[in-house]
Amino acid sequence: MSEPTRTAVGDRGVRGDGRVSGLRIRELTAADCDRVAEIRIGGWQTAYRGLIPQEYLDALDVAEDAERHRTRLAQGDGSVVNLVAELNGEVLGWACHGPYRDGEVRTADAELYAIYVHPERYGAGLGQALLTESVRQCTAAGHARMLLWVLKENALARRFYERAGFRTDGAEEPFEVAGTEVPEVRYVRELTRVG
């Protein structure tokens, strides 16, 4: 089960060709982990307010999250890709994708595990750019489909994914947070092989 996802909605600050001026999408480095943890925790505390128990959100720790990112990055086998959105030298977003997980088994499909944008930059096109690059990379790697899980009640994120060509496939599972079950729904997008 992946963590719930949240991303930017809208296109404020996006040039006519769909790209954000000055934006660079690149792979995550160990030096980015503190900033990514700030973005992820800020995303959870903003997007999931009222959806996940507040005491859980209040207890999230940036330093612990950054250390988890550093450990995963150092121990990774290359199958999981972490991308950051850097605008004018400042990291403002993060996305992570890799093989789809069906329990403990990895499948031939791709999965978007997470995507977050700094809460003050929602609507700036950063989430769209990160998602577009994740889809591009998964397509180029030969995956036929990309799947993701999103909180059922996260209407903004669901609309974002739907605008990007993802559709629910009927799968729903509970995601347990601090003893509370929060339903997630699965989205899928067929990928067209590049070249």
N, C-alpha and C. Protein backbone atom coordinates (compact mmCIF):
# COMPACT_ATOMS: atom_id res chain seq x y z
N MET A 1 0.85 -1.17 0.00
CA MET A 1 0.00 0.00 0.00
C MET A 1 0.89 1.23 0.00
N SER A 2 0.66 2.12 -0.87
CA SER A 2 1.45 3.35 -0.93
C SER A 2 0.88 4.39 0.01
N GLU A 3 1.69 5.40 0.25
CA GLU A 3 1.17 6.49 1.05
C GLU A 3 0.21 7.31 0.20
N PRO A 4 -0.78 7.95 0.79
CA PRO A 4 -1.69 8.77 0.00
C PRO A 4 -0.92 9.85 -0.74
N THR A 5 -1.42 10.25 -1.87
CA THR A 5 -0.72 11.24 -2.67
C THR A 5 -1.46 12.55 -2.71
N ARG A 6 -0.71 13.64 -2.93
CA ARG A 6 -1.29 14.97 -3.04
C ARG A 6 -0.37 15.77 -3.95
N THR A 7 -0.93 16.60 -4.74
CA THR A 7 -0.12 17.36 -5.67
C THR A 7 -0.77 18.68 -5.99
N ALA A 8 -0.08 19.44 -6.80
CA ALA A 8 -0.60 20.73 -7.23
C ALA A 8 -1.81 20.57 -8.12
N VAL A 9 -2.67 21.55 -8.10
CA VAL A 9 -3.85 21.56 -8.96
C VAL A 9 -3.86 22.89 -9.70
N GLY A 10 -4.07 22.87 -11.00
CA GLY A 10 -4.16 24.11 -11.76
C GLY A 10 -2.92 24.37 -12.59
N ASP A 11 -2.84 25.58 -13.15
CA ASP A 11 -1.74 25.85 -14.05
C ASP A 11 -1.17 27.26 -13.89
N ARG A 12 -1.40 27.89 -12.75
CA ARG A 12 -0.85 29.23 -12.54
C ARG A 12 0.67 29.18 -12.68
N GLY A 13 1.25 30.07 -13.44
CA GLY A 13 2.69 30.12 -13.61
C GLY A 13 3.20 29.21 -14.71
N VAL A 14 2.33 28.59 -15.47
CA VAL A 14 2.75 27.67 -16.52
C VAL A 14 2.74 28.41 -17.85
N ARG A 15 3.81 28.22 -18.62
CA ARG A 15 3.87 28.83 -19.94
C ARG A 15 2.86 28.15 -20.85
N GLY A 16 2.59 28.75 -21.98
CA GLY A 16 1.61 28.23 -22.93
C GLY A 16 1.88 26.83 -23.39
N ASP A 17 3.14 26.38 -23.37
CA ASP A 17 3.46 25.02 -23.80
C ASP A 17 3.35 24.01 -22.67
N GLY A 18 2.84 24.42 -21.51
CA GLY A 18 2.63 23.51 -20.40
C GLY A 18 3.83 23.37 -19.49
N ARG A 19 4.93 24.06 -19.78
CA ARG A 19 6.11 23.99 -18.93
C ARG A 19 6.21 25.21 -18.03
N VAL A 20 6.72 25.00 -16.83
CA VAL A 20 6.92 26.09 -15.89
C VAL A 20 8.26 26.73 -16.21
N SER A 21 8.26 28.04 -16.40
CA SER A 21 9.49 28.76 -16.71
C SER A 21 10.50 28.61 -15.57
N GLY A 22 11.73 28.19 -15.89
CA GLY A 22 12.78 28.04 -14.90
C GLY A 22 12.75 26.72 -14.14
N LEU A 23 11.84 25.81 -14.48
CA LEU A 23 11.70 24.55 -13.77
C LEU A 23 12.66 23.51 -14.30
N ARG A 24 13.24 22.76 -13.38
CA ARG A 24 14.12 21.64 -13.71
C ARG A 24 13.65 20.43 -12.93
N ILE A 25 13.38 19.32 -13.63
CA ILE A 25 13.05 18.05 -12.98
C ILE A 25 14.32 17.21 -13.02
N ARG A 26 14.75 16.73 -11.86
CA ARG A 26 15.98 15.94 -11.79
C ARG A 26 15.84 14.87 -10.72
N GLU A 27 16.80 13.96 -10.67
CA GLU A 27 16.78 12.91 -9.66
C GLU A 27 17.15 13.47 -8.29
N LEU A 28 16.55 12.90 -7.28
CA LEU A 28 16.80 13.24 -5.89
C LEU A 28 18.24 12.89 -5.52
N THR A 29 18.88 13.74 -4.73
CA THR A 29 20.19 13.45 -4.15
C THR A 29 20.03 13.42 -2.63
N ALA A 30 21.03 12.89 -1.94
CA ALA A 30 21.00 12.86 -0.48
C ALA A 30 20.87 14.27 0.09
N ALA A 31 21.45 15.24 -0.58
CA ALA A 31 21.38 16.63 -0.11
C ALA A 31 19.96 17.19 -0.15
N ASP A 32 19.07 16.58 -0.93
CA ASP A 32 17.69 17.05 -1.07
C ASP A 32 16.76 16.49 0.00
N CYS A 33 17.19 15.50 0.76
CA CYS A 33 16.29 14.75 1.63
C CYS A 33 15.64 15.60 2.71
N ASP A 34 16.37 16.54 3.29
CA ASP A 34 15.76 17.40 4.31
C ASP A 34 14.63 18.24 3.71
N ARG A 35 14.89 18.83 2.55
CA ARG A 35 13.88 19.67 1.90
C ARG A 35 12.67 18.84 1.46
N VAL A 36 12.92 17.65 0.92
CA VAL A 36 11.82 16.78 0.50
C VAL A 36 10.97 16.39 1.70
N ALA A 37 11.60 16.12 2.83
CA ALA A 37 10.84 15.79 4.05
C ALA A 37 9.97 16.96 4.48
N GLU A 38 10.49 18.18 4.40
CA GLU A 38 9.68 19.36 4.72
C GLU A 38 8.47 19.46 3.80
N ILE A 39 8.68 19.22 2.52
CA ILE A 39 7.59 19.31 1.54
C ILE A 39 6.56 18.22 1.79
N ARG A 40 7.04 16.99 2.02
CA ARG A 40 6.13 15.86 2.24
C ARG A 40 5.29 16.06 3.50
N ILE A 41 5.94 16.43 4.60
CA ILE A 41 5.21 16.63 5.86
C ILE A 41 4.25 17.81 5.73
N GLY A 42 4.69 18.90 5.11
CA GLY A 42 3.80 20.04 4.87
C GLY A 42 2.62 19.66 4.01
N GLY A 43 2.87 18.80 3.02
CA GLY A 43 1.80 18.31 2.15
C GLY A 43 0.78 17.49 2.93
N TRP A 44 1.27 16.58 3.76
CA TRP A 44 0.36 15.78 4.58
C TRP A 44 -0.47 16.69 5.49
N GLN A 45 0.20 17.62 6.18
CA GLN A 45 -0.50 18.45 7.16
C GLN A 45 -1.50 19.40 6.51
N THR A 46 -1.29 19.74 5.25
CA THR A 46 -2.20 20.62 4.53
C THR A 46 -3.31 19.82 3.85
N ALA A 47 -2.93 18.84 3.05
CA ALA A 47 -3.89 18.11 2.21
C ALA A 47 -4.78 17.16 3.00
N TYR A 48 -4.27 16.61 4.09
CA TYR A 48 -5.01 15.57 4.79
C TYR A 48 -5.70 16.06 6.05
N ARG A 49 -5.68 17.37 6.29
CA ARG A 49 -6.40 17.93 7.44
C ARG A 49 -7.88 17.59 7.29
N GLY A 50 -8.43 16.97 8.31
CA GLY A 50 -9.83 16.56 8.28
C GLY A 50 -10.04 15.18 7.66
N LEU A 51 -9.02 14.62 7.02
CA LEU A 51 -9.13 13.29 6.41
C LEU A 51 -8.41 12.22 7.23
N ILE A 52 -7.36 12.65 7.92
CA ILE A 52 -6.53 11.77 8.75
C ILE A 52 -6.51 12.37 10.15
N PRO A 53 -6.46 11.54 11.20
CA PRO A 53 -6.47 12.07 12.57
C PRO A 53 -5.43 13.19 12.77
N GLN A 54 -5.87 14.30 13.33
CA GLN A 54 -5.01 15.46 13.51
C GLN A 54 -3.81 15.16 14.39
N GLU A 55 -3.99 14.33 15.41
CA GLU A 55 -2.86 14.03 16.31
C GLU A 55 -1.74 13.32 15.55
N TYR A 56 -2.10 12.52 14.55
CA TYR A 56 -1.09 11.88 13.72
C TYR A 56 -0.34 12.92 12.88
N LEU A 57 -1.10 13.82 12.25
CA LEU A 57 -0.49 14.86 11.44
C LEU A 57 0.43 15.76 12.27
N ASP A 58 -0.01 16.10 13.48
CA ASP A 58 0.78 16.97 14.35
C ASP A 58 2.08 16.30 14.79
N ALA A 59 2.10 14.98 14.85
CA ALA A 59 3.28 14.24 15.34
C ALA A 59 4.30 13.94 14.24
N LEU A 60 3.99 14.23 12.99
CA LEU A 60 4.94 13.97 11.91
C LEU A 60 6.23 14.76 12.14
N ASP A 61 7.36 14.11 11.94
CA ASP A 61 8.66 14.69 12.25
C ASP A 61 9.52 14.79 10.99
N VAL A 62 9.92 16.00 10.65
CA VAL A 62 10.70 16.25 9.43
C VAL A 62 12.05 15.53 9.49
N ALA A 63 12.74 15.60 10.63
CA ALA A 63 14.07 14.97 10.74
C ALA A 63 13.98 13.45 10.55
N GLU A 64 12.99 12.81 11.15
CA GLU A 64 12.81 11.36 10.98
C GLU A 64 12.48 11.02 9.53
N ASP A 65 11.63 11.81 8.91
CA ASP A 65 11.25 11.57 7.52
C ASP A 65 12.46 11.74 6.61
N ALA A 66 13.28 12.75 6.85
CA ALA A 66 14.48 12.98 6.04
C ALA A 66 15.43 11.80 6.16
N GLU A 67 15.57 11.28 7.37
CA GLU A 67 16.47 10.12 7.56
C GLU A 67 15.94 8.89 6.82
N ARG A 68 14.63 8.69 6.81
CA ARG A 68 14.04 7.57 6.04
C ARG A 68 14.35 7.72 4.55
N HIS A 69 14.24 8.95 4.05
CA HIS A 69 14.55 9.20 2.63
C HIS A 69 16.01 8.89 2.34
N ARG A 70 16.93 9.35 3.21
CA ARG A 70 18.36 9.09 3.00
C ARG A 70 18.65 7.60 3.01
N THR A 71 18.04 6.87 3.95
CA THR A 71 18.26 5.43 4.06
C THR A 71 17.75 4.72 2.82
N ARG A 72 16.54 5.03 2.39
CA ARG A 72 15.98 4.39 1.19
C ARG A 72 16.81 4.69 -0.05
N LEU A 73 17.29 5.93 -0.15
CA LEU A 73 18.10 6.32 -1.29
C LEU A 73 19.42 5.54 -1.30
N ALA A 74 20.05 5.41 -0.14
CA ALA A 74 21.34 4.71 -0.04
C ALA A 74 21.19 3.20 -0.27
N GLN A 75 20.07 2.62 0.15
CA GLN A 75 19.88 1.18 0.06
C GLN A 75 19.11 0.75 -1.17
N GLY A 76 18.69 1.70 -2.00
CA GLY A 76 17.87 1.38 -3.17
C GLY A 76 18.60 0.54 -4.20
N ASP A 77 17.81 -0.23 -4.95
CA ASP A 77 18.37 -1.09 -5.99
C ASP A 77 18.21 -0.49 -7.39
N GLY A 78 17.75 0.76 -7.45
CA GLY A 78 17.57 1.43 -8.74
C GLY A 78 16.20 1.26 -9.34
N SER A 79 15.36 0.43 -8.76
CA SER A 79 14.03 0.21 -9.32
C SER A 79 13.05 1.32 -8.94
N VAL A 80 13.34 2.05 -7.88
CA VAL A 80 12.51 3.16 -7.44
C VAL A 80 13.19 4.46 -7.86
N VAL A 81 12.42 5.33 -8.51
CA VAL A 81 12.95 6.60 -9.01
C VAL A 81 12.35 7.74 -8.20
N ASN A 82 13.22 8.58 -7.65
CA ASN A 82 12.82 9.77 -6.91
C ASN A 82 13.19 10.98 -7.74
N LEU A 83 12.21 11.83 -8.01
CA LEU A 83 12.43 13.05 -8.79
C LEU A 83 12.12 14.26 -7.94
N VAL A 84 12.84 15.35 -8.17
CA VAL A 84 12.50 16.61 -7.52
C VAL A 84 12.24 17.67 -8.59
N ALA A 85 11.37 18.59 -8.24
CA ALA A 85 11.10 19.76 -9.08
C ALA A 85 11.85 20.92 -8.44
N GLU A 86 12.78 21.46 -9.20
CA GLU A 86 13.61 22.56 -8.73
C GLU A 86 13.30 23.79 -9.56
N LEU A 87 12.89 24.85 -8.90
CA LEU A 87 12.55 26.09 -9.58
C LEU A 87 13.51 27.18 -9.12
N ASN A 88 14.28 27.68 -10.06
CA ASN A 88 15.27 28.71 -9.75
C ASN A 88 16.16 28.31 -8.58
N GLY A 89 16.59 27.05 -8.58
CA GLY A 89 17.52 26.54 -7.57
C GLY A 89 16.88 26.06 -6.28
N GLU A 90 15.57 26.19 -6.13
CA GLU A 90 14.88 25.76 -4.90
C GLU A 90 14.02 24.53 -5.17
N VAL A 91 14.23 23.48 -4.37
CA VAL A 91 13.42 22.27 -4.50
C VAL A 91 12.04 22.56 -3.93
N LEU A 92 11.00 22.38 -4.77
CA LEU A 92 9.63 22.70 -4.37
C LEU A 92 8.66 21.53 -4.53
N GLY A 93 9.15 20.40 -5.06
CA GLY A 93 8.28 19.25 -5.23
C GLY A 93 9.08 17.97 -5.32
N TRP A 94 8.38 16.85 -5.10
CA TRP A 94 9.00 15.52 -5.11
C TRP A 94 7.99 14.50 -5.61
N ALA A 95 8.46 13.57 -6.41
CA ALA A 95 7.64 12.45 -6.87
C ALA A 95 8.49 11.19 -6.80
N CYS A 96 7.82 10.08 -6.61
CA CYS A 96 8.50 8.79 -6.48
C CYS A 96 7.68 7.74 -7.22
N HIS A 97 8.34 6.97 -8.10
CA HIS A 97 7.65 5.90 -8.81
C HIS A 97 8.55 4.68 -8.94
N GLY A 98 7.93 3.56 -9.25
CA GLY A 98 8.67 2.31 -9.43
C GLY A 98 7.70 1.21 -9.80
N PRO A 99 8.10 -0.05 -9.59
CA PRO A 99 7.21 -1.16 -9.93
C PRO A 99 5.96 -1.16 -9.05
N TYR A 100 4.83 -1.56 -9.64
CA TYR A 100 3.59 -1.66 -8.86
C TYR A 100 3.75 -2.77 -7.83
N ARG A 101 3.29 -2.51 -6.62
CA ARG A 101 3.38 -3.49 -5.53
C ARG A 101 2.00 -4.11 -5.29
N ASP A 102 1.91 -5.39 -5.48
CA ASP A 102 0.71 -6.16 -5.15
C ASP A 102 1.07 -6.95 -3.91
N GLY A 103 0.83 -6.36 -2.74
CA GLY A 103 1.34 -6.92 -1.49
C GLY A 103 2.84 -6.77 -1.49
N GLU A 104 3.56 -7.86 -1.34
CA GLU A 104 5.02 -7.83 -1.35
C GLU A 104 5.60 -8.10 -2.74
N VAL A 105 4.74 -8.41 -3.70
CA VAL A 105 5.18 -8.77 -5.05
C VAL A 105 5.18 -7.54 -5.95
N ARG A 106 6.29 -7.35 -6.65
CA ARG A 106 6.36 -6.29 -7.65
C ARG A 106 5.88 -6.84 -8.98
N THR A 107 5.07 -6.07 -9.68
CA THR A 107 4.51 -6.52 -10.96
C THR A 107 5.18 -5.77 -12.12
N ALA A 108 4.75 -6.06 -13.34
CA ALA A 108 5.30 -5.40 -14.53
C ALA A 108 4.73 -3.99 -14.72
N ASP A 109 3.66 -3.66 -14.00
CA ASP A 109 3.10 -2.31 -14.09
C ASP A 109 3.93 -1.35 -13.26
N ALA A 110 3.77 -0.06 -13.51
CA ALA A 110 4.43 0.99 -12.74
C ALA A 110 3.45 1.53 -11.70
N GLU A 111 4.00 2.12 -10.66
CA GLU A 111 3.17 2.75 -9.64
C GLU A 111 3.75 4.11 -9.26
N LEU A 112 2.90 5.09 -9.17
CA LEU A 112 3.29 6.38 -8.60
C LEU A 112 3.09 6.22 -7.10
N TYR A 113 4.20 6.17 -6.35
CA TYR A 113 4.11 5.97 -4.91
C TYR A 113 3.74 7.25 -4.18
N ALA A 114 4.25 8.37 -4.65
CA ALA A 114 4.01 9.63 -3.94
C ALA A 114 4.31 10.80 -4.87
N ILE A 115 3.61 11.88 -4.63
CA ILE A 115 3.90 13.15 -5.32
C ILE A 115 3.42 14.28 -4.39
N TYR A 116 4.34 15.19 -4.12
CA TYR A 116 4.04 16.31 -3.22
C TYR A 116 4.66 17.58 -3.77
N VAL A 117 3.97 18.67 -3.56
CA VAL A 117 4.46 19.99 -3.91
C VAL A 117 4.35 20.85 -2.65
N HIS A 118 5.30 21.75 -2.46
CA HIS A 118 5.26 22.64 -1.31
C HIS A 118 3.88 23.30 -1.26
N PRO A 119 3.21 23.26 -0.11
CA PRO A 119 1.84 23.80 -0.03
C PRO A 119 1.68 25.23 -0.53
N GLU A 120 2.69 26.05 -0.41
CA GLU A 120 2.59 27.43 -0.90
C GLU A 120 2.69 27.50 -2.42
N ARG A 121 3.00 26.38 -3.09
CA ARG A 121 3.17 26.38 -4.54
C ARG A 121 2.10 25.54 -5.25
N TYR A 122 1.06 25.13 -4.52
CA TYR A 122 -0.04 24.42 -5.18
C TYR A 122 -0.57 25.29 -6.32
N GLY A 123 -0.85 24.68 -7.43
CA GLY A 123 -1.43 25.39 -8.55
C GLY A 123 -0.42 26.03 -9.48
N ALA A 124 0.87 25.83 -9.24
CA ALA A 124 1.90 26.46 -10.05
C ALA A 124 2.38 25.59 -11.21
N GLY A 125 1.82 24.39 -11.36
CA GLY A 125 2.22 23.51 -12.45
C GLY A 125 3.35 22.56 -12.11
N LEU A 126 3.86 22.62 -10.88
CA LEU A 126 4.98 21.76 -10.49
C LEU A 126 4.56 20.30 -10.39
N GLY A 127 3.40 20.05 -9.82
CA GLY A 127 2.90 18.68 -9.73
C GLY A 127 2.66 18.09 -11.10
N GLN A 128 2.10 18.89 -11.99
CA GLN A 128 1.86 18.45 -13.36
C GLN A 128 3.17 18.07 -14.04
N ALA A 129 4.21 18.88 -13.84
CA ALA A 129 5.51 18.60 -14.45
C ALA A 129 6.13 17.33 -13.89
N LEU A 130 6.03 17.14 -12.58
CA LEU A 130 6.55 15.91 -11.96
C LEU A 130 5.81 14.67 -12.46
N LEU A 131 4.48 14.76 -12.52
CA LEU A 131 3.69 13.63 -12.99
C LEU A 131 3.99 13.32 -14.45
N THR A 132 4.10 14.35 -15.27
CA THR A 132 4.40 14.15 -16.69
C THR A 132 5.74 13.43 -16.85
N GLU A 133 6.74 13.82 -16.07
CA GLU A 133 8.05 13.17 -16.17
C GLU A 133 8.01 11.73 -15.66
N SER A 134 7.28 11.48 -14.58
CA SER A 134 7.14 10.11 -14.09
C SER A 134 6.47 9.22 -15.13
N VAL A 135 5.39 9.72 -15.74
CA VAL A 135 4.70 8.96 -16.78
C VAL A 135 5.64 8.72 -17.96
N ARG A 136 6.39 9.74 -18.36
CA ARG A 136 7.32 9.59 -19.48
C ARG A 136 8.36 8.51 -19.18
N GLN A 137 8.93 8.55 -17.99
CA GLN A 137 9.96 7.56 -17.64
C GLN A 137 9.39 6.14 -17.57
N CYS A 138 8.20 6.00 -17.01
CA CYS A 138 7.58 4.67 -16.92
C CYS A 138 7.22 4.13 -18.30
N THR A 139 6.77 5.00 -19.18
CA THR A 139 6.47 4.61 -20.55
C THR A 139 7.74 4.17 -21.26
N ALA A 140 8.80 4.96 -21.13
CA ALA A 140 10.07 4.64 -21.77
C ALA A 140 10.66 3.33 -21.24
N ALA A 141 10.36 3.01 -19.98
CA ALA A 141 10.86 1.76 -19.38
C ALA A 141 10.05 0.54 -19.83
N GLY A 142 8.98 0.77 -20.59
CA GLY A 142 8.21 -0.33 -21.14
C GLY A 142 7.02 -0.78 -20.32
N HIS A 143 6.65 -0.03 -19.30
CA HIS A 143 5.47 -0.40 -18.51
C HIS A 143 4.21 -0.13 -19.32
N ALA A 144 3.27 -1.05 -19.27
CA ALA A 144 2.01 -0.90 -20.01
C ALA A 144 1.02 0.00 -19.29
N ARG A 145 1.11 0.02 -17.95
CA ARG A 145 0.17 0.81 -17.16
C ARG A 145 0.88 1.44 -15.98
N MET A 146 0.30 2.54 -15.52
CA MET A 146 0.76 3.17 -14.28
C MET A 146 -0.44 3.26 -13.35
N LEU A 147 -0.23 2.83 -12.11
CA LEU A 147 -1.29 2.85 -11.11
C LEU A 147 -0.88 3.73 -9.94
N LEU A 148 -1.85 4.16 -9.17
CA LEU A 148 -1.58 4.93 -7.95
C LEU A 148 -2.77 4.78 -7.02
N TRP A 149 -2.52 5.03 -5.75
CA TRP A 149 -3.57 5.02 -4.73
C TRP A 149 -3.73 6.44 -4.19
N VAL A 150 -4.96 6.84 -3.96
CA VAL A 150 -5.25 8.18 -3.45
C VAL A 150 -6.40 8.07 -2.45
N LEU A 151 -6.36 8.93 -1.42
CA LEU A 151 -7.45 8.92 -0.46
C LEU A 151 -8.77 9.20 -1.17
N LYS A 152 -9.75 8.40 -0.87
CA LYS A 152 -11.06 8.51 -1.53
C LYS A 152 -11.66 9.90 -1.37
N GLU A 153 -11.46 10.52 -0.23
CA GLU A 153 -12.04 11.84 0.05
C GLU A 153 -11.17 13.00 -0.41
N ASN A 154 -10.03 12.74 -1.01
CA ASN A 154 -9.13 13.80 -1.47
C ASN A 154 -9.55 14.24 -2.87
N ALA A 155 -10.60 15.05 -2.92
CA ALA A 155 -11.21 15.45 -4.19
C ALA A 155 -10.26 16.23 -5.09
N LEU A 156 -9.45 17.11 -4.53
CA LEU A 156 -8.53 17.90 -5.35
C LEU A 156 -7.51 17.01 -6.06
N ALA A 157 -6.92 16.08 -5.32
CA ALA A 157 -5.94 15.18 -5.92
C ALA A 157 -6.61 14.28 -6.96
N ARG A 158 -7.80 13.82 -6.67
CA ARG A 158 -8.50 12.95 -7.63
C ARG A 158 -8.76 13.69 -8.94
N ARG A 159 -9.19 14.94 -8.86
CA ARG A 159 -9.40 15.72 -10.09
C ARG A 159 -8.09 15.93 -10.84
N PHE A 160 -7.01 16.17 -10.11
CA PHE A 160 -5.69 16.34 -10.72
C PHE A 160 -5.33 15.10 -11.55
N TYR A 161 -5.47 13.93 -10.94
CA TYR A 161 -5.12 12.70 -11.66
C TYR A 161 -6.05 12.45 -12.84
N GLU A 162 -7.31 12.74 -12.66
CA GLU A 162 -8.26 12.54 -13.77
C GLU A 162 -7.92 13.44 -14.95
N ARG A 163 -7.52 14.68 -14.68
CA ARG A 163 -7.10 15.57 -15.77
C ARG A 163 -5.85 15.06 -16.48
N ALA A 164 -5.06 14.27 -15.77
CA ALA A 164 -3.83 13.72 -16.35
C ALA A 164 -4.06 12.37 -17.02
N GLY A 165 -5.33 11.97 -17.17
CA GLY A 165 -5.64 10.74 -17.90
C GLY A 165 -5.78 9.49 -17.05
N PHE A 166 -5.75 9.61 -15.73
CA PHE A 166 -5.95 8.46 -14.84
C PHE A 166 -7.43 8.27 -14.58
N ARG A 167 -7.85 7.02 -14.41
CA ARG A 167 -9.24 6.68 -14.12
C ARG A 167 -9.29 5.64 -13.01
N THR A 168 -10.33 5.70 -12.18
CA THR A 168 -10.49 4.68 -11.15
C THR A 168 -10.75 3.34 -11.83
N ASP A 169 -10.28 2.27 -11.21
CA ASP A 169 -10.51 0.94 -11.78
C ASP A 169 -11.39 0.08 -10.89
N GLY A 170 -11.98 0.70 -9.85
CA GLY A 170 -12.90 -0.02 -8.98
C GLY A 170 -12.26 -0.59 -7.72
N ALA A 171 -10.93 -0.65 -7.66
CA ALA A 171 -10.26 -1.18 -6.47
C ALA A 171 -10.30 -0.14 -5.36
N GLU A 172 -10.56 -0.61 -4.16
CA GLU A 172 -10.60 0.25 -2.98
C GLU A 172 -10.05 -0.53 -1.81
N GLU A 173 -9.22 0.11 -1.00
CA GLU A 173 -8.65 -0.54 0.18
C GLU A 173 -8.59 0.45 1.32
N PRO A 174 -8.68 -0.05 2.55
CA PRO A 174 -8.50 0.85 3.69
C PRO A 174 -7.02 1.12 3.91
N PHE A 175 -6.70 2.32 4.29
CA PHE A 175 -5.34 2.72 4.67
C PHE A 175 -5.45 3.08 6.14
N GLU A 176 -4.71 2.38 7.00
CA GLU A 176 -4.84 2.61 8.43
C GLU A 176 -3.83 3.65 8.90
N VAL A 177 -4.35 4.67 9.57
CA VAL A 177 -3.52 5.74 10.12
C VAL A 177 -3.96 5.98 11.56
N ALA A 178 -3.03 5.76 12.47
CA ALA A 178 -3.30 6.01 13.90
C ALA A 178 -4.57 5.31 14.36
N GLY A 179 -4.77 4.08 13.92
CA GLY A 179 -5.92 3.30 14.33
C GLY A 179 -7.21 3.63 13.60
N THR A 180 -7.16 4.54 12.66
CA THR A 180 -8.34 4.94 11.89
C THR A 180 -8.18 4.44 10.46
N GLU A 181 -9.20 3.79 9.95
CA GLU A 181 -9.18 3.35 8.55
C GLU A 181 -9.67 4.47 7.65
N VAL A 182 -8.84 4.80 6.67
CA VAL A 182 -9.14 5.85 5.69
C VAL A 182 -9.16 5.17 4.33
N PRO A 183 -10.29 5.18 3.62
CA PRO A 183 -10.33 4.47 2.35
C PRO A 183 -9.51 5.14 1.25
N GLU A 184 -8.83 4.30 0.48
CA GLU A 184 -8.10 4.73 -0.71
C GLU A 184 -8.73 4.08 -1.93
N VAL A 185 -8.65 4.76 -3.04
CA VAL A 185 -9.10 4.20 -4.32
C VAL A 185 -7.91 4.15 -5.26
N ARG A 186 -7.95 3.18 -6.16
CA ARG A 186 -6.85 3.02 -7.11
C ARG A 186 -7.21 3.63 -8.44
N TYR A 187 -6.22 4.32 -9.01
CA TYR A 187 -6.34 4.91 -10.34
C TYR A 187 -5.35 4.22 -11.26
N VAL A 188 -5.68 4.18 -12.54
CA VAL A 188 -4.82 3.55 -13.55
C VAL A 188 -4.78 4.41 -14.80
N ARG A 189 -3.67 4.37 -15.48
CA ARG A 189 -3.54 5.02 -16.77
C ARG A 189 -2.76 4.08 -17.69
N GLU A 190 -3.33 3.85 -18.86
CA GLU A 190 -2.62 3.05 -19.87
C GLU A 190 -1.49 3.91 -20.43
N LEU A 191 -0.34 3.31 -20.64
CA LEU A 191 0.82 4.03 -21.15
C LEU A 191 1.07 3.61 -22.59
N THR A 192 1.47 4.54 -23.40
CA THR A 192 1.79 4.27 -24.79
C THR A 192 3.31 4.26 -24.91
N ARG A 193 3.82 3.18 -25.40
CA ARG A 193 5.28 3.05 -25.50
C ARG A 193 5.85 4.13 -26.41
N VAL A 194 6.95 4.72 -25.95
CA VAL A 194 7.65 5.76 -26.69
C VAL A 194 8.58 5.10 -27.71
N GLY A 195 8.59 5.65 -28.96
CA GLY A 195 9.52 5.24 -29.99
C GLY A 195 9.32 3.86 -30.42
